[in-house]
PDB file of N, CA and C in Angstrom:
ATOM      1  N   MET A   1      30.152  23.974 -30.368  1.00  0.00           N
ATOM      2  CA  MET A   1      28.812  24.472 -30.432  1.00  0.00           C
ATOM      3  C   MET A   1      27.771  23.361 -30.373  1.00  0.00           C
ATOM      4  N   ASN A   2      28.220  22.166 -30.264  1.00  0.00           N
ATOM      5  CA  ASN A   2      27.295  21.043 -30.142  1.00  0.00           C
ATOM      6  C   ASN A   2      26.967  20.805 -28.674  1.00  0.00           C
ATOM      7  N   GLU A   3      26.110  21.621 -28.144  1.00  0.00           N
ATOM      8  CA  GLU A   3      25.689  21.428 -26.758  1.00  0.00           C
ATOM      9  C   GLU A   3      24.592  20.385 -26.707  1.00  0.00           C
ATOM     10  N   VAL A   4      24.704  19.543 -25.736  1.00  0.00           N
ATOM     11  CA  VAL A   4      23.702  18.490 -25.591  1.00  0.00           C
ATOM     12  C   VAL A   4      22.494  19.068 -24.854  1.00  0.00           C
ATOM     13  N   ALA A   5      21.373  19.047 -25.517  1.00  0.00           N
ATOM     14  CA  ALA A   5      20.141  19.517 -24.880  1.00  0.00           C
ATOM     15  C   ALA A   5      19.666  18.457 -23.889  1.00  0.00           C
ATOM     16  N   GLY A   6      18.956  18.881 -22.880  1.00  0.00           N
ATOM     17  CA  GLY A   6      18.430  17.933 -21.905  1.00  0.00           C
ATOM     18  C   GLY A   6      17.492  16.953 -22.592  1.00  0.00           C
ATOM     19  N   LYS A   7      17.787  15.683 -22.431  1.00  0.00           N
ATOM     20  CA  LYS A   7      16.942  14.688 -23.097  1.00  0.00           C
ATOM     21  C   LYS A   7      15.634  14.518 -22.339  1.00  0.00           C
ATOM     22  N   ALA A   8      14.637  14.062 -23.051  1.00  0.00           N
ATOM     23  CA  ALA A   8      13.312  13.876 -22.460  1.00  0.00           C
ATOM     24  C   ALA A   8      13.356  12.742 -21.439  1.00  0.00           C
ATOM     25  N   PRO A   9      12.641  12.894 -20.331  1.00  0.00           N
ATOM     26  CA  PRO A   9      12.638  11.817 -19.322  1.00  0.00           C
ATOM     27  C   PRO A   9      11.953  10.559 -19.851  1.00  0.00           C
ATOM     28  N   ASP A  10      12.391   9.431 -19.340  1.00  0.00           N
ATOM     29  CA  ASP A  10      11.823   8.138 -19.726  1.00  0.00           C
ATOM     30  C   ASP A  10      10.528   7.919 -18.936  1.00  0.00           C
ATOM     31  N   THR A  11       9.409   7.955 -19.635  1.00  0.00           N
ATOM     32  CA  THR A  11       8.108   7.824 -18.981  1.00  0.00           C
ATOM     33  C   THR A  11       7.494   6.437 -19.174  1.00  0.00           C
ATOM     34  N   SER A  12       8.320   5.452 -19.490  1.00  0.00           N
ATOM     35  CA  SER A  12       7.784   4.130 -19.800  1.00  0.00           C
ATOM     36  C   SER A  12       7.185   3.411 -18.592  1.00  0.00           C
ATOM     37  N   LEU A  13       7.535   3.813 -17.378  1.00  0.00           N
ATOM     38  CA  LEU A  13       7.002   3.134 -16.192  1.00  0.00           C
ATOM     39  C   LEU A  13       5.941   3.945 -15.453  1.00  0.00           C
ATOM     40  N   VAL A  14       5.456   5.022 -16.057  1.00  0.00           N
ATOM     41  CA  VAL A  14       4.431   5.830 -15.394  1.00  0.00           C
ATOM     42  C   VAL A  14       3.108   5.064 -15.350  1.00  0.00           C
ATOM     43  N   LYS A  15       2.657   4.550 -16.486  1.00  0.00           N
ATOM     44  CA  LYS A  15       1.387   3.810 -16.516  1.00  0.00           C
ATOM     45  C   LYS A  15       1.459   2.519 -15.702  1.00  0.00           C
ATOM     46  N   PRO A  16       2.535   1.709 -15.806  1.00  0.00           N
ATOM     47  CA  PRO A  16       2.586   0.501 -14.968  1.00  0.00           C
ATOM     48  C   PRO A  16       2.561   0.798 -13.470  1.00  0.00           C
ATOM     49  N   ALA A  17       3.151   1.917 -13.057  1.00  0.00           N
ATOM     50  CA  ALA A  17       3.113   2.270 -11.631  1.00  0.00           C
ATOM     51  C   ALA A  17       1.686   2.551 -11.184  1.00  0.00           C
ATOM     52  N   TRP A  18       0.932   3.294 -11.997  1.00  0.00           N
ATOM     53  CA  TRP A  18      -0.474   3.566 -11.658  1.00  0.00           C
ATOM     54  C   TRP A  18      -1.281   2.277 -11.665  1.00  0.00           C
ATOM     55  N   ILE A  19      -1.005   1.402 -12.617  1.00  0.00           N
ATOM     56  CA  ILE A  19      -1.737   0.128 -12.690  1.00  0.00           C
ATOM     57  C   ILE A  19      -1.480  -0.697 -11.442  1.00  0.00           C
ATOM     58  N   VAL A  20      -0.222  -0.773 -11.011  1.00  0.00           N
ATOM     59  CA  VAL A  20       0.110  -1.533  -9.796  1.00  0.00           C
ATOM     60  C   VAL A  20      -0.610  -0.955  -8.589  1.00  0.00           C
ATOM     61  N   LEU A  21      -0.612   0.357  -8.458  1.00  0.00           N
ATOM     62  CA  LEU A  21      -1.277   0.988  -7.317  1.00  0.00           C
ATOM     63  C   LEU A  21      -2.785   0.740  -7.342  1.00  0.00           C
ATOM     64  N   ILE A  22      -3.406   0.950  -8.485  1.00  0.00           N
ATOM     65  CA  ILE A  22      -4.861   0.815  -8.569  1.00  0.00           C
ATOM     66  C   ILE A  22      -5.296  -0.627  -8.393  1.00  0.00           C
ATOM     67  N   VAL A  23      -4.583  -1.577  -8.990  1.00  0.00           N
ATOM     68  CA  VAL A  23      -4.932  -2.994  -8.822  1.00  0.00           C
ATOM     69  C   VAL A  23      -4.758  -3.404  -7.358  1.00  0.00           C
ATOM     70  N   GLY A  24      -3.700  -2.930  -6.730  1.00  0.00           N
ATOM     71  CA  GLY A  24      -3.506  -3.222  -5.305  1.00  0.00           C
ATOM     72  C   GLY A  24      -4.619  -2.662  -4.447  1.00  0.00           C
ATOM     73  N   TRP A  25      -5.061  -1.446  -4.758  1.00  0.00           N
ATOM     74  CA  TRP A  25      -6.157  -0.833  -3.993  1.00  0.00           C
ATOM     75  C   TRP A  25      -7.463  -1.586  -4.195  1.00  0.00           C
ATOM     76  N   VAL A  26      -7.733  -2.014  -5.422  1.00  0.00           N
ATOM     77  CA  VAL A  26      -8.959  -2.786  -5.682  1.00  0.00           C
ATOM     78  C   VAL A  26      -8.915  -4.112  -4.928  1.00  0.00           C
ATOM     79  N   ILE A  27      -7.763  -4.763  -4.913  1.00  0.00           N
ATOM     80  CA  ILE A  27      -7.628  -6.025  -4.178  1.00  0.00           C
ATOM     81  C   ILE A  27      -7.871  -5.802  -2.692  1.00  0.00           C
ATOM     82  N   MET A  28      -7.401  -4.669  -2.166  1.00  0.00           N
ATOM     83  CA  MET A  28      -7.607  -4.388  -0.743  1.00  0.00           C
ATOM     84  C   MET A  28      -9.074  -4.187  -0.402  1.00  0.00           C
ATOM     85  N   LEU A  29      -9.885  -3.773  -1.351  1.00  0.00           N
ATOM     86  CA  LEU A  29     -11.295  -3.512  -1.077  1.00  0.00           C
ATOM     87  C   LEU A  29     -12.165  -4.763  -1.176  1.00  0.00           C
ATOM     88  N   LEU A  30     -11.604  -5.878  -1.595  1.00  0.00           N
ATOM     89  CA  LEU A  30     -12.382  -7.113  -1.673  1.00  0.00           C
ATOM     90  C   LEU A  30     -12.595  -7.674  -0.272  1.00  0.00           C
ATOM     91  N   PRO A  31     -13.824  -8.038   0.083  1.00  0.00           N
ATOM     92  CA  PRO A  31     -14.070  -8.559   1.437  1.00  0.00           C
ATOM     93  C   PRO A  31     -13.733 -10.042   1.548  1.00  0.00           C
ATOM     94  N   ILE A  32     -12.505 -10.390   1.237  1.00  0.00           N
ATOM     95  CA  ILE A  32     -12.023 -11.767   1.313  1.00  0.00           C
ATOM     96  C   ILE A  32     -10.808 -11.759   2.249  1.00  0.00           C
ATOM     97  N   PRO A  33     -10.706 -12.728   3.165  1.00  0.00           N
ATOM     98  CA  PRO A  33      -9.576 -12.730   4.096  1.00  0.00           C
ATOM     99  C   PRO A  33      -8.225 -12.714   3.388  1.00  0.00           C
ATOM    100  N   MET A  34      -7.291 -11.978   3.916  1.00  0.00           N
ATOM    101  CA  MET A  34      -5.906 -11.844   3.483  1.00  0.00           C
ATOM    102  C   MET A  34      -5.713 -11.026   2.207  1.00  0.00           C
ATOM    103  N   THR A  35      -6.788 -10.615   1.532  1.00  0.00           N
ATOM    104  CA  THR A  35      -6.585  -9.819   0.328  1.00  0.00           C
ATOM    105  C   THR A  35      -6.131  -8.401   0.671  1.00  0.00           C
ATOM    106  N   GLY A  36      -6.521  -7.905   1.835  1.00  0.00           N
ATOM    107  CA  GLY A  36      -6.067  -6.582   2.250  1.00  0.00           C
ATOM    108  C   GLY A  36      -4.568  -6.548   2.436  1.00  0.00           C
ATOM    109  N   TRP A  37      -4.037  -7.577   3.054  1.00  0.00           N
ATOM    110  CA  TRP A  37      -2.592  -7.653   3.248  1.00  0.00           C
ATOM    111  C   TRP A  37      -1.879  -7.807   1.908  1.00  0.00           C
ATOM    112  N   LEU A  38      -2.406  -8.686   1.063  1.00  0.00           N
ATOM    113  CA  LEU A  38      -1.810  -8.901  -0.257  1.00  0.00           C
ATOM    114  C   LEU A  38      -1.855  -7.619  -1.081  1.00  0.00           C
ATOM    115  N   GLY A  39      -2.994  -6.942  -1.072  1.00  0.00           N
ATOM    116  CA  GLY A  39      -3.106  -5.680  -1.796  1.00  0.00           C
ATOM    117  C   GLY A  39      -2.182  -4.619  -1.238  1.00  0.00           C
ATOM    118  N   GLY A  40      -2.015  -4.607   0.076  1.00  0.00           N
ATOM    119  CA  GLY A  40      -1.103  -3.652   0.693  1.00  0.00           C
ATOM    120  C   GLY A  40       0.333  -3.870   0.258  1.00  0.00           C
ATOM    121  N   VAL A  41       0.725  -5.124   0.174  1.00  0.00           N
ATOM    122  CA  VAL A  41       2.077  -5.437  -0.277  1.00  0.00           C
ATOM    123  C   VAL A  41       2.263  -5.025  -1.730  1.00  0.00           C
ATOM    124  N   ILE A  42       1.286  -5.360  -2.566  1.00  0.00           N
ATOM    125  CA  ILE A  42       1.379  -5.011  -3.985  1.00  0.00           C
ATOM    126  C   ILE A  42       1.394  -3.500  -4.171  1.00  0.00           C
ATOM    127  N   ALA A  43       0.412  -2.829  -3.593  1.00  0.00           N
ATOM    128  CA  ALA A  43       0.293  -1.382  -3.795  1.00  0.00           C
ATOM    129  C   ALA A  43       1.415  -0.620  -3.106  1.00  0.00           C
ATOM    130  N   GLY A  44       1.751  -1.017  -1.900  1.00  0.00           N
ATOM    131  CA  GLY A  44       2.759  -0.282  -1.146  1.00  0.00           C
ATOM    132  C   GLY A  44       4.165  -0.443  -1.679  1.00  0.00           C
ATOM    133  N   ILE A  45       4.652  -1.658  -1.670  1.00  0.00           N
ATOM    134  CA  ILE A  45       6.036  -1.904  -2.080  1.00  0.00           C
ATOM    135  C   ILE A  45       6.222  -1.688  -3.580  1.00  0.00           C
ATOM    136  N   GLY A  46       5.342  -2.295  -4.377  1.00  0.00           N
ATOM    137  CA  GLY A  46       5.475  -2.148  -5.825  1.00  0.00           C
ATOM    138  C   GLY A  46       5.327  -0.709  -6.280  1.00  0.00           C
ATOM    139  N   GLY A  47       4.336  -0.010  -5.728  1.00  0.00           N
ATOM    140  CA  GLY A  47       4.135   1.387  -6.088  1.00  0.00           C
ATOM    141  C   GLY A  47       5.296   2.270  -5.669  1.00  0.00           C
ATOM    142  N   CYS A  48       5.828   2.028  -4.479  1.00  0.00           N
ATOM    143  CA  CYS A  48       6.984   2.812  -4.020  1.00  0.00           C
ATOM    144  C   CYS A  48       8.195   2.601  -4.923  1.00  0.00           C
ATOM    145  N   ILE A  49       8.472   1.358  -5.246  1.00  0.00           N
ATOM    146  CA  ILE A  49       9.635   1.059  -6.085  1.00  0.00           C
ATOM    147  C   ILE A  49       9.483   1.702  -7.463  1.00  0.00           C
ATOM    148  N   LEU A  50       8.313   1.538  -8.078  1.00  0.00           N
ATOM    149  CA  LEU A  50       8.111   2.125  -9.401  1.00  0.00           C
ATOM    150  C   LEU A  50       8.126   3.654  -9.348  1.00  0.00           C
ATOM    151  N   ALA A  51       7.606   4.239  -8.275  1.00  0.00           N
ATOM    152  CA  ALA A  51       7.636   5.697  -8.138  1.00  0.00           C
ATOM    153  C   ALA A  51       9.072   6.196  -8.001  1.00  0.00           C
ATOM    154  N   ILE A  52       9.880   5.483  -7.236  1.00  0.00           N
ATOM    155  CA  ILE A  52      11.284   5.873  -7.078  1.00  0.00           C
ATOM    156  C   ILE A  52      12.027   5.734  -8.400  1.00  0.00           C
ATOM    157  N   VAL A  53      11.738   4.678  -9.154  1.00  0.00           N
ATOM    158  CA  VAL A  53      12.360   4.519 -10.469  1.00  0.00           C
ATOM    159  C   VAL A  53      11.953   5.671 -11.380  1.00  0.00           C
ATOM    160  N   ASN A  54      10.688   6.062 -11.330  1.00  0.00           N
ATOM    161  CA  ASN A  54      10.244   7.205 -12.139  1.00  0.00           C
ATOM    162  C   ASN A  54      10.953   8.484 -11.719  1.00  0.00           C
ATOM    163  N   LEU A  55      11.170   8.679 -10.420  1.00  0.00           N
ATOM    164  CA  LEU A  55      11.905   9.851  -9.953  1.00  0.00           C
ATOM    165  C   LEU A  55      13.330   9.857 -10.487  1.00  0.00           C
ATOM    166  N   VAL A  56      13.962   8.702 -10.453  1.00  0.00           N
ATOM    167  CA  VAL A  56      15.341   8.598 -10.937  1.00  0.00           C
ATOM    168  C   VAL A  56      15.405   8.851 -12.437  1.00  0.00           C
ATOM    169  N   ARG A  57      14.397   8.429 -13.156  1.00  0.00           N
ATOM    170  CA  ARG A  57      14.372   8.611 -14.609  1.00  0.00           C
ATOM    171  C   ARG A  57      13.992  10.022 -15.025  1.00  0.00           C
ATOM    172  N   GLY A  58      13.673  10.885 -14.081  1.00  0.00           N
ATOM    173  CA  GLY A  58      13.420  12.284 -14.396  1.00  0.00           C
ATOM    174  C   GLY A  58      11.965  12.686 -14.459  1.00  0.00           C
ATOM    175  N   VAL A  59      11.046  11.774 -14.160  1.00  0.00           N
ATOM    176  CA  VAL A  59       9.621  12.105 -14.152  1.00  0.00           C
ATOM    177  C   VAL A  59       9.275  12.510 -12.717  1.00  0.00           C
ATOM    178  N   VAL A  60       9.709  13.708 -12.347  1.00  0.00           N
ATOM    179  CA  VAL A  60       9.675  14.110 -10.947  1.00  0.00           C
ATOM    180  C   VAL A  60       8.258  14.370 -10.443  1.00  0.00           C
ATOM    181  N   GLY A  61       7.470  15.144 -11.155  1.00  0.00           N
ATOM    182  CA  GLY A  61       6.131  15.494 -10.675  1.00  0.00           C
ATOM    183  C   GLY A  61       5.253  14.283 -10.474  1.00  0.00           C
ATOM    184  N   ILE A  62       5.174  13.446 -11.486  1.00  0.00           N
ATOM    185  CA  ILE A  62       4.341  12.251 -11.401  1.00  0.00           C
ATOM    186  C   ILE A  62       4.932  11.263 -10.399  1.00  0.00           C
ATOM    187  N   GLY A  63       6.252  11.162 -10.344  1.00  0.00           N
ATOM    188  CA  GLY A  63       6.903  10.256  -9.396  1.00  0.00           C
ATOM    189  C   GLY A  63       6.595  10.618  -7.954  1.00  0.00           C
ATOM    190  N   ILE A  64       6.582  11.913  -7.649  1.00  0.00           N
ATOM    191  CA  ILE A  64       6.269  12.348  -6.284  1.00  0.00           C
ATOM    192  C   ILE A  64       4.812  12.031  -5.949  1.00  0.00           C
ATOM    193  N   VAL A  65       3.914  12.286  -6.893  1.00  0.00           N
ATOM    194  CA  VAL A  65       2.494  11.983  -6.659  1.00  0.00           C
ATOM    195  C   VAL A  65       2.304  10.482  -6.444  1.00  0.00           C
ATOM    196  N   GLN A  66       2.967   9.662  -7.250  1.00  0.00           N
ATOM    197  CA  GLN A  66       2.855   8.211  -7.089  1.00  0.00           C
ATOM    198  C   GLN A  66       3.420   7.757  -5.747  1.00  0.00           C
ATOM    199  N   LEU A  67       4.538   8.330  -5.346  1.00  0.00           N
ATOM    200  CA  LEU A  67       5.133   7.962  -4.060  1.00  0.00           C
ATOM    201  C   LEU A  67       4.230   8.360  -2.903  1.00  0.00           C
ATOM    202  N   LEU A  68       3.642   9.551  -2.975  1.00  0.00           N
ATOM    203  CA  LEU A  68       2.714   9.975  -1.926  1.00  0.00           C
ATOM    204  C   LEU A  68       1.473   9.086  -1.900  1.00  0.00           C
ATOM    205  N   CYS A  69       0.970   8.707  -3.066  1.00  0.00           N
ATOM    206  CA  CYS A  69      -0.184   7.799  -3.111  1.00  0.00           C
ATOM    207  C   CYS A  69       0.164   6.456  -2.498  1.00  0.00           C
ATOM    208  N   ALA A  70       1.359   5.951  -2.801  1.00  0.00           N
ATOM    209  CA  ALA A  70       1.762   4.663  -2.255  1.00  0.00           C
ATOM    210  C   ALA A  70       1.911   4.724  -0.735  1.00  0.00           C
ATOM    211  N   LEU A  71       2.385   5.855  -0.222  1.00  0.00           N
ATOM    212  CA  LEU A  71       2.647   5.960   1.215  1.00  0.00           C
ATOM    213  C   LEU A  71       1.456   6.461   2.027  1.00  0.00           C
ATOM    214  N   ILE A  72       0.560   7.236   1.423  1.00  0.00           N
ATOM    215  CA  ILE A  72      -0.547   7.827   2.165  1.00  0.00           C
ATOM    216  C   ILE A  72      -1.886   7.191   1.807  1.00  0.00           C
ATOM    217  N   VAL A  73      -2.163   7.060   0.517  1.00  0.00           N
ATOM    218  CA  VAL A  73      -3.472   6.547   0.089  1.00  0.00           C
ATOM    219  C   VAL A  73      -3.597   5.051   0.382  1.00  0.00           C
ATOM    220  N   THR A  74      -2.509   4.298   0.237  1.00  0.00           N
ATOM    221  CA  THR A  74      -2.575   2.853   0.460  1.00  0.00           C
ATOM    222  C   THR A  74      -3.054   2.487   1.865  1.00  0.00           C
ATOM    223  N   PRO A  75      -2.517   3.083   2.938  1.00  0.00           N
ATOM    224  CA  PRO A  75      -3.058   2.752   4.266  1.00  0.00           C
ATOM    225  C   PRO A  75      -4.518   3.155   4.440  1.00  0.00           C
ATOM    226  N   ILE A  76      -4.909   4.263   3.834  1.00  0.00           N
ATOM    227  CA  ILE A  76      -6.308   4.696   3.932  1.00  0.00           C
ATOM    228  C   ILE A  76      -7.221   3.675   3.261  1.00  0.00           C
ATOM    229  N   VAL A  77      -6.832   3.237   2.067  1.00  0.00           N
ATOM    230  CA  VAL A  77      -7.632   2.233   1.352  1.00  0.00           C
ATOM    231  C   VAL A  77      -7.630   0.918   2.128  1.00  0.00           C
ATOM    232  N   TYR A  78      -6.511   0.587   2.783  1.00  0.00           N
ATOM    233  CA  TYR A  78      -6.454  -0.633   3.595  1.00  0.00           C
ATOM    234  C   TYR A  78      -7.497  -0.581   4.712  1.00  0.00           C
ATOM    235  N   TRP A  79      -7.586   0.544   5.402  1.00  0.00           N
ATOM    236  CA  TRP A  79      -8.548   0.665   6.504  1.00  0.00           C
ATOM    237  C   TRP A  79      -9.977   0.657   5.996  1.00  0.00           C
ATOM    238  N   ILE A  80     -10.216   1.235   4.829  1.00  0.00           N
ATOM    239  CA  ILE A  80     -11.553   1.170   4.233  1.00  0.00           C
ATOM    240  C   ILE A  80     -11.898  -0.277   3.897  1.00  0.00           C
ATOM    241  N   GLY A  81     -10.945  -1.003   3.316  1.00  0.00           N
ATOM    242  CA  GLY A  81     -11.162  -2.413   3.000  1.00  0.00           C
ATOM    243  C   GLY A  81     -11.394  -3.242   4.250  1.00  0.00           C
ATOM    244  N   LEU A  82     -10.669  -2.923   5.323  1.00  0.00           N
ATOM    245  CA  LEU A  82     -10.865  -3.629   6.586  1.00  0.00           C
ATOM    246  C   LEU A  82     -12.260  -3.371   7.140  1.00  0.00           C
ATOM    247  N   ALA A  83     -12.761  -2.147   6.993  1.00  0.00           N
ATOM    248  CA  ALA A  83     -14.120  -1.823   7.434  1.00  0.00           C
ATOM    249  C   ALA A  83     -15.151  -2.571   6.600  1.00  0.00           C
ATOM    250  N   ILE A  84     -14.918  -2.686   5.292  1.00  0.00           N
ATOM    251  CA  ILE A  84     -15.827  -3.447   4.426  1.00  0.00           C
ATOM    252  C   ILE A  84     -15.832  -4.914   4.841  1.00  0.00           C
ATOM    253  N   PHE A  85     -14.657  -5.458   5.120  1.00  0.00           N
ATOM    254  CA  PHE A  85     -14.572  -6.852   5.550  1.00  0.00           C
ATOM    255  C   PHE A  85     -15.267  -7.056   6.893  1.00  0.00           C
ATOM    256  N   GLY A  86     -15.067  -6.120   7.820  1.00  0.00           N
ATOM    257  CA  GLY A  86     -15.744  -6.212   9.108  1.00  0.00           C
ATOM    258  C   GLY A  86     -17.248  -6.132   8.983  1.00  0.00           C
ATOM    259  N   ALA A  87     -17.728  -5.262   8.103  1.00  0.00           N
ATOM    260  CA  ALA A  87     -19.168  -5.155   7.879  1.00  0.00           C
ATOM    261  C   ALA A  87     -19.725  -6.430   7.265  1.00  0.00           C
ATOM    262  N   ALA A  88     -18.938  -7.056   6.376  1.00  0.00           N
ATOM    263  CA  ALA A  88     -19.382  -8.323   5.786  1.00  0.00           C
ATOM    264  C   ALA A  88     -19.453  -9.412   6.845  1.00  0.00           C
ATOM    265  N   LEU A  89     -18.500  -9.413   7.785  1.00  0.00           N
ATOM    266  CA  LEU A  89     -18.526 -10.405   8.870  1.00  0.00           C
ATOM    267  C   LEU A  89     -19.724 -10.181   9.787  1.00  0.00           C
ATOM    268  N   VAL A  90     -19.987  -8.934  10.140  1.00  0.00           N
ATOM    269  CA  VAL A  90     -21.118  -8.625  11.010  1.00  0.00           C
ATOM    270  C   VAL A  90     -22.429  -9.000  10.314  1.00  0.00           C
ATOM    271  N   SER A  91     -22.519  -8.719   9.039  1.00  0.00           N
ATOM    272  CA  SER A  91     -23.720  -9.042   8.275  1.00  0.00           C
ATOM    273  C   SER A  91     -23.923 -10.558   8.199  1.00  0.00           C
ATOM    274  N   ALA A  92     -22.828 -11.281   7.990  1.00  0.00           N
ATOM    275  CA  ALA A  92     -22.934 -12.745   7.916  1.00  0.00           C
ATOM    276  C   ALA A  92     -23.295 -13.318   9.288  1.00  0.00           C
ATOM    277  N   ALA A  93     -22.758 -12.747  10.360  1.00  0.00           N
ATOM    278  CA  ALA A  93     -23.085 -13.244  11.697  1.00  0.00           C
ATOM    279  C   ALA A  93     -24.533 -12.937  12.035  1.00  0.00           C
ATOM    280  N   GLY A  94     -25.026 -11.785  11.603  1.00  0.00           N
ATOM    281  CA  GLY A  94     -26.427 -11.430  11.846  1.00  0.00           C
ATOM    282  C   GLY A  94     -27.376 -12.318  11.077  1.00  0.00           C
ATOM    283  N   ALA A  95     -27.002 -12.683   9.879  1.00  0.00           N
ATOM    284  CA  ALA A  95     -27.862 -13.549   9.050  1.00  0.00           C
ATOM    285  C   ALA A  95     -27.863 -14.983   9.590  1.00  0.00           C
ATOM    286  N   ALA A  96     -26.753 -15.386  10.205  1.00  0.00           N
ATOM    287  CA  ALA A  96     -26.658 -16.749  10.733  1.00  0.00           C
ATOM    288  C   ALA A  96     -27.400 -16.885  12.059  1.00  0.00           C
ATOM    289  N   GLY A  97     -27.499 -15.786  12.792  1.00  0.00           N
ATOM    290  CA  GLY A  97     -28.083 -15.857  14.121  1.00  0.00           C
ATOM    291  C   GLY A  97     -29.497 -15.553  14.133  1.00  0.00           C
TER     292      GLY A  97
END
């Protein structure tokens, strides 16, 4: 009669996964050369790995949302950051000329 009840999922990596994604996205929005690539690597790879770990640990709903954010939102934020960087370059070229 000692049935093992389903244990609670380990949610210890939910907050760090969001932190990695958000910090990576903020880095991508900085108009400094190479930060978009660096932010993409941090947000994309790190977020995907942590999301997959969360899925394996049983945090399915949040893990799927994190994985989708890492795969879909990260490229969108990258292109927004690239547009900000391009606008900063155009503005600097206009001020110099």
